[in-house]
PDB file of N, CA and C in Angstrom:
ATOM      1  N   MET A   1       6.260  -3.065   6.756  1.00  0.00           N
ATOM      2  CA  MET A   1       4.869  -3.446   6.766  1.00  0.00           C
ATOM      3  C   MET A   1       4.737  -4.915   7.163  1.00  0.00           C
ATOM      4  N   THR A   2       5.639  -5.741   6.675  1.00  0.00           N
ATOM      5  CA  THR A   2       5.603  -7.158   7.029  1.00  0.00           C
ATOM      6  C   THR A   2       5.759  -7.321   8.535  1.00  0.00           C
ATOM      7  N   LEU A   3       6.649  -6.543   9.115  1.00  0.00           N
ATOM      8  CA  LEU A   3       6.854  -6.600  10.564  1.00  0.00           C
ATOM      9  C   LEU A   3       5.561  -6.272  11.305  1.00  0.00           C
ATOM     10  N   LEU A   4       4.854  -5.253  10.858  1.00  0.00           N
ATOM     11  CA  LEU A   4       3.595  -4.880  11.505  1.00  0.00           C
ATOM     12  C   LEU A   4       2.531  -5.955  11.342  1.00  0.00           C
ATOM     13  N   LEU A   5       2.517  -6.609  10.176  1.00  0.00           N
ATOM     14  CA  LEU A   5       1.506  -7.635   9.926  1.00  0.00           C
ATOM     15  C   LEU A   5       1.798  -8.944  10.652  1.00  0.00           C
ATOM     16  N   LEU A   6       3.059  -9.169  11.030  1.00  0.00           N
ATOM     17  CA  LEU A   6       3.426 -10.466  11.602  1.00  0.00           C
ATOM     18  C   LEU A   6       3.989 -10.377  13.013  1.00  0.00           C
ATOM     19  N   THR A   7       3.617  -9.372  13.775  1.00  0.00           N
ATOM     20  CA  THR A   7       4.021  -9.291  15.177  1.00  0.00           C
ATOM     21  C   THR A   7       2.792  -9.423  16.063  1.00  0.00           C
ATOM     22  N   PRO A   8       2.969  -9.937  17.281  1.00  0.00           N
ATOM     23  CA  PRO A   8       1.820 -10.080  18.174  1.00  0.00           C
ATOM     24  C   PRO A   8       1.149  -8.744  18.499  1.00  0.00           C
ATOM     25  N   ASN A   9       1.936  -7.686  18.666  1.00  0.00           N
ATOM     26  CA  ASN A   9       1.370  -6.375  18.971  1.00  0.00           C
ATOM     27  C   ASN A   9       2.030  -5.328  18.074  1.00  0.00           C
ATOM     28  N   PRO A  10       1.431  -5.065  16.911  1.00  0.00           N
ATOM     29  CA  PRO A  10       2.052  -4.126  15.984  1.00  0.00           C
ATOM     30  C   PRO A  10       2.186  -2.719  16.550  1.00  0.00           C
ATOM     31  N   TRP A  11       1.286  -2.328  17.434  1.00  0.00           N
ATOM     32  CA  TRP A  11       1.354  -0.977  18.018  1.00  0.00           C
ATOM     33  C   TRP A  11       2.600  -0.820  18.877  1.00  0.00           C
ATOM     34  N   ALA A  12       3.021  -1.887  19.551  1.00  0.00           N
ATOM     35  CA  ALA A  12       4.222  -1.818  20.386  1.00  0.00           C
ATOM     36  C   ALA A  12       5.466  -1.592  19.526  1.00  0.00           C
ATOM     37  N   VAL A  13       5.490  -2.171  18.327  1.00  0.00           N
ATOM     38  CA  VAL A  13       6.613  -1.979  17.416  1.00  0.00           C
ATOM     39  C   VAL A  13       6.747  -0.500  17.056  1.00  0.00           C
ATOM     40  N   LEU A  14       5.613   0.181  16.956  1.00  0.00           N
ATOM     41  CA  LEU A  14       5.610   1.601  16.618  1.00  0.00           C
ATOM     42  C   LEU A  14       5.806   2.489  17.839  1.00  0.00           C
ATOM     43  N   GLY A  15       5.976   1.860  19.011  1.00  0.00           N
ATOM     44  CA  GLY A  15       6.157   2.632  20.238  1.00  0.00           C
ATOM     45  C   GLY A  15       4.850   3.152  20.801  1.00  0.00           C
ATOM     46  N   LEU A  16       3.753   2.544  20.428  1.00  0.00           N
ATOM     47  CA  LEU A  16       2.428   2.985  20.873  1.00  0.00           C
ATOM     48  C   LEU A  16       1.750   1.880  21.674  1.00  0.00           C
ATOM     49  N   ARG A  17       2.373   1.478  22.759  1.00  0.00           N
ATOM     50  CA  ARG A  17       1.859   0.358  23.560  1.00  0.00           C
ATOM     51  C   ARG A  17       0.464   0.613  24.125  1.00  0.00           C
ATOM     52  N   HIS A  18       0.130   1.868  24.353  1.00  0.00           N
ATOM     53  CA  HIS A  18      -1.162   2.199  24.953  1.00  0.00           C
ATOM     54  C   HIS A  18      -2.330   2.049  23.975  1.00  0.00           C
ATOM     55  N   VAL A  19      -2.049   2.002  22.671  1.00  0.00           N
ATOM     56  CA  VAL A  19      -3.123   1.851  21.689  1.00  0.00           C
ATOM     57  C   VAL A  19      -3.765   0.483  21.865  1.00  0.00           C
ATOM     58  N   GLY A  20      -5.049   0.464  21.876  1.00  0.00           N
ATOM     59  CA  GLY A  20      -5.783  -0.781  22.097  1.00  0.00           C
ATOM     60  C   GLY A  20      -6.190  -0.942  23.545  1.00  0.00           C
ATOM     61  N   LYS A  21      -5.443  -0.334  24.453  1.00  0.00           N
ATOM     62  CA  LYS A  21      -5.804  -0.376  25.874  1.00  0.00           C
ATOM     63  C   LYS A  21      -6.561   0.883  26.258  1.00  0.00           C
ATOM     64  N   THR A  22      -6.021   2.028  25.885  1.00  0.00           N
ATOM     65  CA  THR A  22      -6.681   3.281  26.229  1.00  0.00           C
ATOM     66  C   THR A  22      -7.323   3.946  25.020  1.00  0.00           C
ATOM     67  N   VAL A  23      -6.738   3.746  23.849  1.00  0.00           N
ATOM     68  CA  VAL A  23      -7.272   4.333  22.624  1.00  0.00           C
ATOM     69  C   VAL A  23      -7.884   3.217  21.789  1.00  0.00           C
ATOM     70  N   ARG A  24      -9.138   3.384  21.416  1.00  0.00           N
ATOM     71  CA  ARG A  24      -9.830   2.358  20.634  1.00  0.00           C
ATOM     72  C   ARG A  24      -9.650   2.641  19.145  1.00  0.00           C
ATOM     73  N   ILE A  25      -8.996   1.723  18.453  1.00  0.00           N
ATOM     74  CA  ILE A  25      -8.801   1.818  17.004  1.00  0.00           C
ATOM     75  C   ILE A  25      -9.804   0.875  16.344  1.00  0.00           C
ATOM     76  N   PRO A  26     -10.548   1.354  15.338  1.00  0.00           N
ATOM     77  CA  PRO A  26     -11.483   0.449  14.669  1.00  0.00           C
ATOM     78  C   PRO A  26     -10.741  -0.738  14.054  1.00  0.00           C
ATOM     79  N   GLU A  27     -11.313  -1.913  14.221  1.00  0.00           N
ATOM     80  CA  GLU A  27     -10.653  -3.121  13.726  1.00  0.00           C
ATOM     81  C   GLU A  27     -10.645  -3.172  12.205  1.00  0.00           C
ATOM     82  N   ARG A  28     -11.686  -2.719  11.598  1.00  0.00           N
ATOM     83  CA  ARG A  28     -11.790  -2.767  10.145  1.00  0.00           C
ATOM     84  C   ARG A  28     -11.220  -1.500   9.525  1.00  0.00           C
ATOM     85  N   GLY A  29     -10.547  -1.670   8.414  1.00  0.00           N
ATOM     86  CA  GLY A  29     -10.017  -0.543   7.668  1.00  0.00           C
ATOM     87  C   GLY A  29      -8.512  -0.392   7.747  1.00  0.00           C
ATOM     88  N   VAL A  30      -7.891  -0.958   8.772  1.00  0.00           N
ATOM     89  CA  VAL A  30      -6.434  -0.817   8.927  1.00  0.00           C
ATOM     90  C   VAL A  30      -5.713  -1.543   7.797  1.00  0.00           C
ATOM     91  N   HIS A  31      -6.094  -2.775   7.517  1.00  0.00           N
ATOM     92  CA  HIS A  31      -5.453  -3.546   6.447  1.00  0.00           C
ATOM     93  C   HIS A  31      -5.680  -2.877   5.094  1.00  0.00           C
ATOM     94  N   CYS A  32      -6.895  -2.424   4.857  1.00  0.00           N
ATOM     95  CA  CYS A  32      -7.221  -1.771   3.587  1.00  0.00           C
ATOM     96  C   CYS A  32      -6.361  -0.529   3.395  1.00  0.00           C
ATOM     97  N   THR A  33      -6.210   0.266   4.442  1.00  0.00           N
ATOM     98  CA  THR A  33      -5.401   1.481   4.358  1.00  0.00           C
ATOM     99  C   THR A  33      -3.937   1.158   4.085  1.00  0.00           C
ATOM    100  N   MET A  34      -3.407   0.169   4.791  1.00  0.00           N
ATOM    101  CA  MET A  34      -2.002  -0.194   4.594  1.00  0.00           C
ATOM    102  C   MET A  34      -1.744  -0.674   3.168  1.00  0.00           C
ATOM    103  N   PHE A  35      -2.619  -1.505   2.643  1.00  0.00           N
ATOM    104  CA  PHE A  35      -2.419  -2.030   1.294  1.00  0.00           C
ATOM    105  C   PHE A  35      -2.735  -0.995   0.222  1.00  0.00           C
ATOM    106  N   PHE A  36      -3.609  -0.051   0.520  1.00  0.00           N
ATOM    107  CA  PHE A  36      -3.861   1.067  -0.385  1.00  0.00           C
ATOM    108  C   PHE A  36      -2.580   1.884  -0.569  1.00  0.00           C
ATOM    109  N   VAL A  37      -1.944   2.238   0.543  1.00  0.00           N
ATOM    110  CA  VAL A  37      -0.695   3.014   0.486  1.00  0.00           C
ATOM    111  C   VAL A  37       0.406   2.206  -0.196  1.00  0.00           C
ATOM    112  N   LEU A  38       0.544   0.930   0.155  1.00  0.00           N
ATOM    113  CA  LEU A  38       1.554   0.074  -0.474  1.00  0.00           C
ATOM    114  C   LEU A  38       1.364   0.024  -1.984  1.00  0.00           C
ATOM    115  N   THR A  39       0.129  -0.119  -2.426  1.00  0.00           N
ATOM    116  CA  THR A  39      -0.161  -0.210  -3.863  1.00  0.00           C
ATOM    117  C   THR A  39       0.184   1.093  -4.571  1.00  0.00           C
ATOM    118  N   LEU A  40      -0.176   2.224  -3.978  1.00  0.00           N
ATOM    119  CA  LEU A  40       0.191   3.508  -4.593  1.00  0.00           C
ATOM    120  C   LEU A  40       1.710   3.640  -4.710  1.00  0.00           C
ATOM    121  N   LEU A  41       2.417   3.262  -3.651  1.00  0.00           N
ATOM    122  CA  LEU A  41       3.880   3.346  -3.677  1.00  0.00           C
ATOM    123  C   LEU A  41       4.481   2.409  -4.719  1.00  0.00           C
ATOM    124  N   MET A  42       3.926   1.211  -4.849  1.00  0.00           N
ATOM    125  CA  MET A  42       4.440   0.254  -5.832  1.00  0.00           C
ATOM    126  C   MET A  42       4.212   0.756  -7.258  1.00  0.00           C
ATOM    127  N   HIS A  43       3.030   1.306  -7.519  1.00  0.00           N
ATOM    128  CA  HIS A  43       2.770   1.853  -8.858  1.00  0.00           C
ATOM    129  C   HIS A  43       3.672   3.051  -9.134  1.00  0.00           C
ATOM    130  N   ALA A  44       3.859   3.902  -8.158  1.00  0.00           N
ATOM    131  CA  ALA A  44       4.668   5.107  -8.343  1.00  0.00           C
ATOM    132  C   ALA A  44       6.160   4.789  -8.435  1.00  0.00           C
ATOM    133  N   SER A  45       6.570   3.633  -7.953  1.00  0.00           N
ATOM    134  CA  SER A  45       7.997   3.293  -7.940  1.00  0.00           C
ATOM    135  C   SER A  45       8.551   2.996  -9.328  1.00  0.00           C
ATOM    136  N   ARG A  46       7.688   2.769 -10.296  1.00  0.00           N
ATOM    137  CA  ARG A  46       8.107   2.430 -11.648  1.00  0.00           C
ATOM    138  C   ARG A  46       8.872   1.114 -11.709  1.00  0.00           C
ATOM    139  N   TRP A  47       8.507   0.201 -10.844  1.00  0.00           N
ATOM    140  CA  TRP A  47       9.093  -1.134 -10.869  1.00  0.00           C
ATOM    141  C   TRP A  47       8.774  -1.736 -12.222  1.00  0.00           C
ATOM    142  N   ARG A  48       9.734  -2.175 -12.936  1.00  0.00           N
ATOM    143  CA  ARG A  48       9.548  -2.611 -14.320  1.00  0.00           C
ATOM    144  C   ARG A  48       8.994  -4.025 -14.415  1.00  0.00           C
ATOM    145  N   VAL A  49       7.736  -4.147 -14.078  1.00  0.00           N
ATOM    146  CA  VAL A  49       7.009  -5.403 -14.251  1.00  0.00           C
ATOM    147  C   VAL A  49       5.661  -5.058 -14.861  1.00  0.00           C
ATOM    148  N   GLY A  50       5.020  -6.047 -15.428  1.00  0.00           N
ATOM    149  CA  GLY A  50       3.716  -5.825 -16.012  1.00  0.00           C
ATOM    150  C   GLY A  50       2.654  -5.576 -14.943  1.00  0.00           C
ATOM    151  N   LYS A  51       1.536  -5.026 -15.386  1.00  0.00           N
ATOM    152  CA  LYS A  51       0.448  -4.720 -14.460  1.00  0.00           C
ATOM    153  C   LYS A  51      -0.091  -5.983 -13.786  1.00  0.00           C
ATOM    154  N   LYS A  52      -0.229  -7.050 -14.566  1.00  0.00           N
ATOM    155  CA  LYS A  52      -0.735  -8.302 -14.002  1.00  0.00           C
ATOM    156  C   LYS A  52       0.250  -8.890 -12.999  1.00  0.00           C
ATOM    157  N   THR A  53       1.534  -8.793 -13.309  1.00  0.00           N
ATOM    158  CA  THR A  53       2.560  -9.307 -12.392  1.00  0.00           C
ATOM    159  C   THR A  53       2.540  -8.529 -11.089  1.00  0.00           C
ATOM    160  N   LEU A  54       2.433  -7.213 -11.189  1.00  0.00           N
ATOM    161  CA  LEU A  54       2.378  -6.380  -9.988  1.00  0.00           C
ATOM    162  C   LEU A  54       1.139  -6.716  -9.170  1.00  0.00           C
ATOM    163  N   TRP A  55       0.000  -6.841  -9.841  1.00  0.00           N
ATOM    164  CA  TRP A  55      -1.248  -7.180  -9.164  1.00  0.00           C
ATOM    165  C   TRP A  55      -1.118  -8.531  -8.444  1.00  0.00           C
ATOM    166  N   CYS A  56      -0.593  -9.526  -9.131  1.00  0.00           N
ATOM    167  CA  CYS A  56      -0.433 -10.856  -8.538  1.00  0.00           C
ATOM    168  C   CYS A  56       0.542 -10.834  -7.363  1.00  0.00           C
ATOM    169  N   ALA A  57       1.623 -10.072  -7.494  1.00  0.00           N
ATOM    170  CA  ALA A  57       2.597  -9.977  -6.402  1.00  0.00           C
ATOM    171  C   ALA A  57       1.964  -9.339  -5.164  1.00  0.00           C
ATOM    172  N   LEU A  58       1.203  -8.278  -5.364  1.00  0.00           N
ATOM    173  CA  LEU A  58       0.562  -7.609  -4.227  1.00  0.00           C
ATOM    174  C   LEU A  58      -0.509  -8.484  -3.582  1.00  0.00           C
ATOM    175  N   VAL A  59      -1.339  -9.128  -4.396  1.00  0.00           N
ATOM    176  CA  VAL A  59      -2.385 -10.004  -3.853  1.00  0.00           C
ATOM    177  C   VAL A  59      -1.747 -11.202  -3.153  1.00  0.00           C
ATOM    178  N   GLY A  60      -0.714 -11.777  -3.756  1.00  0.00           N
ATOM    179  CA  GLY A  60      -0.004 -12.892  -3.123  1.00  0.00           C
ATOM    180  C   GLY A  60       0.593 -12.487  -1.785  1.00  0.00           C
ATOM    181  N   TYR A  61       1.191 -11.303  -1.739  1.00  0.00           N
ATOM    182  CA  TYR A  61       1.759 -10.788  -0.489  1.00  0.00           C
ATOM    183  C   TYR A  61       0.664 -10.602   0.567  1.00  0.00           C
ATOM    184  N   GLY A  62      -0.465 -10.055   0.151  1.00  0.00           N
ATOM    185  CA  GLY A  62      -1.572  -9.838   1.085  1.00  0.00           C
ATOM    186  C   GLY A  62      -2.121 -11.131   1.659  1.00  0.00           C
ATOM    187  N   ILE A  63      -2.267 -12.120   0.822  1.00  0.00           N
ATOM    188  CA  ILE A  63      -2.803 -13.413   1.279  1.00  0.00           C
ATOM    189  C   ILE A  63      -1.762 -14.159   2.118  1.00  0.00           C
ATOM    190  N   MET A  64      -0.505 -14.146   1.678  1.00  0.00           N
ATOM    191  CA  MET A  64       0.539 -14.868   2.424  1.00  0.00           C
ATOM    192  C   MET A  64       0.766 -14.274   3.812  1.00  0.00           C
ATOM    193  N   THR A  65       0.778 -12.944   3.921  1.00  0.00           N
ATOM    194  CA  THR A  65       0.970 -12.355   5.253  1.00  0.00           C
ATOM    195  C   THR A  65      -0.200 -12.690   6.167  1.00  0.00           C
ATOM    196  N   GLU A  66      -1.378 -12.775   5.592  1.00  0.00           N
ATOM    197  CA  GLU A  66      -2.535 -13.153   6.418  1.00  0.00           C
ATOM    198  C   GLU A  66      -2.408 -14.611   6.856  1.00  0.00           C
ATOM    199  N   LEU A  67      -2.007 -15.508   5.962  1.00  0.00           N
ATOM    200  CA  LEU A  67      -1.846 -16.925   6.324  1.00  0.00           C
ATOM    201  C   LEU A  67      -0.717 -17.125   7.335  1.00  0.00           C
ATOM    202  N   LEU A  68       0.356 -16.347   7.221  1.00  0.00           N
ATOM    203  CA  LEU A  68       1.480 -16.476   8.151  1.00  0.00           C
ATOM    204  C   LEU A  68       1.125 -16.028   9.573  1.00  0.00           C
ATOM    205  N   GLN A  69       0.051 -15.279   9.720  1.00  0.00           N
ATOM    206  CA  GLN A  69      -0.377 -14.863  11.058  1.00  0.00           C
ATOM    207  C   GLN A  69      -0.815 -16.050  11.907  1.00  0.00           C
ATOM    208  N   TRP A  70      -1.068 -17.186  11.283  1.00  0.00           N
ATOM    209  CA  TRP A  70      -1.429 -18.399  12.018  1.00  0.00           C
ATOM    210  C   TRP A  70      -0.295 -18.821  12.943  1.00  0.00           C
ATOM    211  N   PHE A  71       0.949 -18.500  12.565  1.00  0.00           N
ATOM    212  CA  PHE A  71       2.115 -18.884  13.355  1.00  0.00           C
ATOM    213  C   PHE A  71       2.496 -17.854  14.415  1.00  0.00           C
ATOM    214  N   VAL A  72       1.750 -16.767  14.530  1.00  0.00           N
ATOM    215  CA  VAL A  72       2.086 -15.673  15.445  1.00  0.00           C
ATOM    216  C   VAL A  72       0.970 -15.486  16.460  1.00  0.00           C
ATOM    217  N   PRO A  73       1.037 -16.215  17.595  1.00  0.00           N
ATOM    218  CA  PRO A  73       0.014 -15.996  18.610  1.00  0.00           C
ATOM    219  C   PRO A  73       0.173 -14.592  19.194  1.00  0.00           C
ATOM    220  N   PRO A  74      -0.813 -13.883  19.518  1.00  0.00           N
ATOM    221  CA  PRO A  74      -2.249 -14.146  19.489  1.00  0.00           C
ATOM    222  C   PRO A  74      -2.912 -13.762  18.174  1.00  0.00           C
ATOM    223  N   ARG A  75      -2.134 -13.525  17.108  1.00  0.00           N
ATOM    224  CA  ARG A  75      -2.719 -13.173  15.817  1.00  0.00           C
ATOM    225  C   ARG A  75      -3.468 -14.375  15.260  1.00  0.00           C
ATOM    226  N   THR A  76      -4.472 -14.107  14.458  1.00  0.00           N
ATOM    227  CA  THR A  76      -5.265 -15.178  13.848  1.00  0.00           C
ATOM    228  C   THR A  76      -5.459 -14.880  12.363  1.00  0.00           C
ATOM    229  N   VAL A  77      -5.695 -15.932  11.612  1.00  0.00           N
ATOM    230  CA  VAL A  77      -5.997 -15.785  10.190  1.00  0.00           C
ATOM    231  C   VAL A  77      -7.467 -15.412  10.086  1.00  0.00           C
ATOM    232  N   GLU A  78      -7.731 -14.282   9.472  1.00  0.00           N
ATOM    233  CA  GLU A  78      -9.110 -13.822   9.295  1.00  0.00           C
ATOM    234  C   GLU A  78      -9.316 -13.475   7.830  1.00  0.00           C
ATOM    235  N   TRP A  79     -10.252 -14.157   7.195  1.00  0.00           N
ATOM    236  CA  TRP A  79     -10.499 -13.913   5.784  1.00  0.00           C
ATOM    237  C   TRP A  79     -11.010 -12.509   5.512  1.00  0.00           C
ATOM    238  N   PRO A  80     -11.772 -11.878   6.428  1.00  0.00           N
ATOM    239  CA  PRO A  80     -12.129 -10.471   6.178  1.00  0.00           C
ATOM    240  C   PRO A  80     -10.891  -9.569   6.065  1.00  0.00           C
ATOM    241  N   ASP A  81      -9.822  -9.888   6.813  1.00  0.00           N
ATOM    242  CA  ASP A  81      -8.584  -9.120   6.689  1.00  0.00           C
ATOM    243  C   ASP A  81      -7.953  -9.329   5.320  1.00  0.00           C
ATOM    244  N   ALA A  82      -7.964 -10.560   4.829  1.00  0.00           N
ATOM    245  CA  ALA A  82      -7.424 -10.842   3.494  1.00  0.00           C
ATOM    246  C   ALA A  82      -8.233 -10.106   2.423  1.00  0.00           C
ATOM    247  N   MET A  83      -9.540 -10.049   2.600  1.00  0.00           N
ATOM    248  CA  MET A  83     -10.384  -9.321   1.654  1.00  0.00           C
ATOM    249  C   MET A  83     -10.108  -7.818   1.730  1.00  0.00           C
ATOM    250  N   GLU A  84      -9.819  -7.313   2.934  1.00  0.00           N
ATOM    251  CA  GLU A  84      -9.434  -5.908   3.084  1.00  0.00           C
ATOM    252  C   GLU A  84      -8.122  -5.630   2.364  1.00  0.00           C
ATOM    253  N   ASN A  85      -7.171  -6.557   2.462  1.00  0.00           N
ATOM    254  CA  ASN A  85      -5.901  -6.406   1.753  1.00  0.00           C
ATOM    255  C   ASN A  85      -6.152  -6.255   0.259  1.00  0.00           C
ATOM    256  N   ILE A  86      -6.984  -7.128  -0.280  1.00  0.00           N
ATOM    257  CA  ILE A  86      -7.279  -7.103  -1.711  1.00  0.00           C
ATOM    258  C   ILE A  86      -8.062  -5.844  -2.078  1.00  0.00           C
ATOM    259  N   ALA A  87      -8.980  -5.425  -1.208  1.00  0.00           N
ATOM    260  CA  ALA A  87      -9.731  -4.189  -1.463  1.00  0.00           C
ATOM    261  C   ALA A  87      -8.798  -2.982  -1.484  1.00  0.00           C
ATOM    262  N   GLY A  88      -7.822  -2.950  -0.584  1.00  0.00           N
ATOM    263  CA  GLY A  88      -6.847  -1.866  -0.573  1.00  0.00           C
ATOM    264  C   GLY A  88      -6.011  -1.841  -1.844  1.00  0.00           C
ATOM    265  N   ILE A  89      -5.652  -3.029  -2.335  1.00  0.00           N
ATOM    266  CA  ILE A  89      -4.887  -3.134  -3.586  1.00  0.00           C
ATOM    267  C   ILE A  89      -5.733  -2.636  -4.756  1.00  0.00           C
ATOM    268  N   ALA A  90      -6.990  -3.066  -4.804  1.00  0.00           N
ATOM    269  CA  ALA A  90      -7.883  -2.638  -5.890  1.00  0.00           C
ATOM    270  C   ALA A  90      -8.113  -1.131  -5.836  1.00  0.00           C
ATOM    271  N   LEU A  91      -8.338  -0.595  -4.657  1.00  0.00           N
ATOM    272  CA  LEU A  91      -8.572   0.837  -4.505  1.00  0.00           C
ATOM    273  C   LEU A  91      -7.323   1.643  -4.868  1.00  0.00           C
ATOM    274  N   GLY A  92      -6.160   1.175  -4.439  1.00  0.00           N
ATOM    275  CA  GLY A  92      -4.913   1.856  -4.779  1.00  0.00           C
ATOM    276  C   GLY A  92      -4.651   1.860  -6.271  1.00  0.00           C
ATOM    277  N   THR A  93      -4.933   0.737  -6.931  1.00  0.00           N
ATOM    278  CA  THR A  93      -4.772   0.646  -8.383  1.00  0.00           C
ATOM    279  C   THR A  93      -5.738   1.585  -9.088  1.00  0.00           C
ATOM    280  N   LEU A  94      -6.983   1.608  -8.633  1.00  0.00           N
ATOM    281  CA  LEU A  94      -7.993   2.480  -9.229  1.00  0.00           C
ATOM    282  C   LEU A  94      -7.609   3.951  -9.072  1.00  0.00           C
ATOM    283  N   VAL A  95      -7.202   4.342  -7.883  1.00  0.00           N
ATOM    284  CA  VAL A  95      -6.822   5.737  -7.645  1.00  0.00           C
ATOM    285  C   VAL A  95      -5.618   6.114  -8.500  1.00  0.00           C
ATOM    286  N   PHE A  96      -4.639   5.229  -8.606  1.00  0.00           N
ATOM    287  CA  PHE A  96      -3.456   5.521  -9.417  1.00  0.00           C
ATOM    288  C   PHE A  96      -3.829   5.685 -10.884  1.00  0.00           C
ATOM    289  N   ARG A  97      -4.683   4.822 -11.377  1.00  0.00           N
ATOM    290  CA  ARG A  97      -5.093   4.924 -12.789  1.00  0.00           C
ATOM    291  C   ARG A  97      -5.928   6.170 -13.041  1.00  0.00           C
ATOM    292  N   LEU A  98      -6.818   6.517 -12.103  1.00  0.00           N
ATOM    293  CA  LEU A  98      -7.604   7.747 -12.256  1.00  0.00           C
ATOM    294  C   LEU A  98      -6.703   8.971 -12.195  1.00  0.00           C
ATOM    295  N   ALA A  99      -5.719   8.949 -11.324  1.00  0.00           N
ATOM    296  CA  ALA A  99      -4.766  10.055 -11.247  1.00  0.00           C
ATOM    297  C   ALA A  99      -3.992  10.171 -12.551  1.00  0.00           C
ATOM    298  N   GLY A 100      -3.699   9.040 -13.180  1.00  0.00           N
ATOM    299  CA  GLY A 100      -3.007   9.052 -14.466  1.00  0.00           C
ATOM    300  C   GLY A 100      -3.836   9.667 -15.570  1.00  0.00           C
ATOM    301  N   ARG A 101      -5.152   9.584 -15.457  1.00  0.00           N
ATOM    302  CA  ARG A 101      -6.021  10.220 -16.449  1.00  0.00           C
ATOM    303  C   ARG A 101      -6.134  11.720 -16.201  1.00  0.00           C
ATOM    304  N   VAL A 102      -6.149  12.111 -14.941  1.00  0.00           N
ATOM    305  CA  VAL A 102      -6.257  13.525 -14.610  1.00  0.00           C
ATOM    306  C   VAL A 102      -4.929  14.231 -14.844  1.00  0.00           C
ATOM    307  N   TRP A 103      -3.837  13.608 -14.398  1.00  0.00           N
ATOM    308  CA  TRP A 103      -2.484  14.142 -14.571  1.00  0.00           C
ATOM    309  C   TRP A 103      -1.665  13.124 -15.351  1.00  0.00           C
ATOM    310  N   PRO A 104      -1.750  13.117 -16.666  1.00  0.00           N
ATOM    311  CA  PRO A 104      -1.073  12.078 -17.453  1.00  0.00           C
ATOM    312  C   PRO A 104       0.419  11.964 -17.184  1.00  0.00           C
ATOM    313  N   CYS A 105       1.110  13.074 -16.976  1.00  0.00           N
ATOM    314  CA  CYS A 105       2.553  12.962 -16.758  1.00  0.00           C
ATOM    315  C   CYS A 105       2.864  12.398 -15.382  1.00  0.00           C
ATOM    316  N   ALA A 106       1.906  12.384 -14.458  1.00  0.00           N
ATOM    317  CA  ALA A 106       2.138  11.774 -13.149  1.00  0.00           C
ATOM    318  C   ALA A 106       2.190  10.261 -13.278  1.00  0.00           C
ATOM    319  N   ALA A 107       1.419   9.690 -14.167  1.00  0.00           N
ATOM    320  CA  ALA A 107       1.382   8.241 -14.325  1.00  0.00           C
ATOM    321  C   ALA A 107       2.416   7.737 -15.330  1.00  0.00           C
ATOM    322  N   LYS A 108       2.879   8.590 -16.236  1.00  0.00           N
ATOM    323  CA  LYS A 108       3.796   8.146 -17.282  1.00  0.00           C
ATOM    324  C   LYS A 108       5.176   8.772 -17.165  1.00  0.00           C
ATOM    325  N   GLY A 109       5.430   9.482 -16.108  1.00  0.00           N
ATOM    326  CA  GLY A 109       6.725  10.152 -15.964  1.00  0.00           C
ATOM    327  C   GLY A 109       6.686  11.489 -16.659  1.00  0.00           C
ATOM    328  N   ALA A 110       7.790  12.166 -16.683  1.00  0.00           N
ATOM    329  CA  ALA A 110       7.856  13.477 -17.318  1.00  0.00           C
ATOM    330  C   ALA A 110       7.752  13.309 -18.825  1.00  0.00           C
ATOM    331  N   ALA A 111       6.655  13.716 -19.364  1.00  0.00           N
ATOM    332  CA  ALA A 111       6.428  13.586 -20.803  1.00  0.00           C
ATOM    333  C   ALA A 111       7.036  14.788 -21.522  1.00  0.00           C
ATOM    334  N   ALA A 112       7.419  14.568 -22.764  1.00  0.00           N
ATOM    335  CA  ALA A 112       8.013  15.655 -23.536  1.00  0.00           C
ATOM    336  C   ALA A 112       7.007  16.774 -23.758  1.00  0.00           C
ATOM    337  N   SER A 113       5.722  16.436 -23.829  1.00  0.00           N
ATOM    338  CA  SER A 113       4.712  17.460 -24.052  1.00  0.00           C
ATOM    339  C   SER A 113       4.308  18.173 -22.770  1.00  0.00           C
ATOM    340  N   GLY A 114       4.772  17.684 -21.638  1.00  0.00           N
ATOM    341  CA  GLY A 114       4.424  18.310 -20.361  1.00  0.00           C
ATOM    342  C   GLY A 114       5.174  19.607 -20.163  1.00  0.00           C
ATOM    343  N   PRO A 115       4.804  20.353 -19.144  1.00  0.00           N
ATOM    344  CA  PRO A 115       5.470  21.629 -18.896  1.00  0.00           C
ATOM    345  C   PRO A 115       6.931  21.420 -18.510  1.00  0.00           C
ATOM    346  N   LYS A 116       7.767  22.324 -18.980  1.00  0.00           N
ATOM    347  CA  LYS A 116       9.187  22.248 -18.666  1.00  0.00           C
ATOM    348  C   LYS A 116       9.423  22.963 -17.345  1.00  0.00           C
ATOM    349  N   LEU A 117      10.133  22.315 -16.454  1.00  0.00           N
ATOM    350  CA  LEU A 117      10.421  22.921 -15.165  1.00  0.00           C
ATOM    351  C   LEU A 117      11.656  23.800 -15.289  1.00  0.00           C
ATOM    352  N   ALA A 118      11.604  24.912 -14.594  1.00  0.00           N
ATOM    353  CA  ALA A 118      12.733  25.846 -14.621  1.00  0.00           C
ATOM    354  C   ALA A 118      13.903  25.232 -13.868  1.00  0.00           C
ATOM    355  N   SER A 119      15.097  25.524 -14.330  1.00  0.00           N
ATOM    356  CA  SER A 119      16.289  25.076 -13.622  1.00  0.00           C
ATOM    357  C   SER A 119      17.292  26.214 -13.612  1.00  0.00           C
ATOM    358  N   PHE A 120      18.329  26.063 -12.816  1.00  0.00           N
ATOM    359  CA  PHE A 120      19.342  27.097 -12.713  1.00  0.00           C
ATOM    360  C   PHE A 120      20.203  27.176 -13.984  1.00  0.00           C
ATOM    361  N   ASP A 121      20.169  26.144 -14.792  1.00  0.00           N
ATOM    362  CA  ASP A 121      20.980  26.104 -16.010  1.00  0.00           C
ATOM    363  C   ASP A 121      20.341  26.860 -17.170  1.00  0.00           C
ATOM    364  N   ASP A 122      19.045  27.152 -17.060  1.00  0.00           N
ATOM    365  CA  ASP A 122      18.350  27.835 -18.161  1.00  0.00           C
ATOM    366  C   ASP A 122      18.748  29.304 -18.209  1.00  0.00           C
ATOM    367  N   ASP A 123      18.944  29.797 -19.434  1.00  0.00           N
ATOM    368  CA  ASP A 123      19.218  31.229 -19.603  1.00  0.00           C
ATOM    369  C   ASP A 123      17.911  32.000 -19.490  1.00  0.00           C
ATOM    370  N   PRO A 124      17.953  33.179 -18.887  1.00  0.00           N
ATOM    371  CA  PRO A 124      16.709  33.972 -18.772  1.00  0.00           C
ATOM    372  C   PRO A 124      16.235  34.514 -20.093  1.00  0.00           C
TER     373      PRO A 124
END
């Protein structure tokens, strides 16, 4: 993700050089989507840090990658992009927490009270 955020043409890195020339991608929403997915993955990874630490790390990463774009011509620092990064983080956190309320064992791991999955070791 860092590579995509800090290259002059992120589409070329993905092998999609024609994007932007022949295919029009909306400018807004890309950063939000990327940070939404990153946030869901970070929460699901069970990285053993506090919620505030995780939030600060993600927001810091979002702001720093936006500021580092100043050194990558033709990329520019755009505060709406930084706000999209933060919106994606907030949305990803909200979705993860709501999913944890709907499916408690999804947010807390396999709980003892959750359903037991069948395995080949179980006797019939």
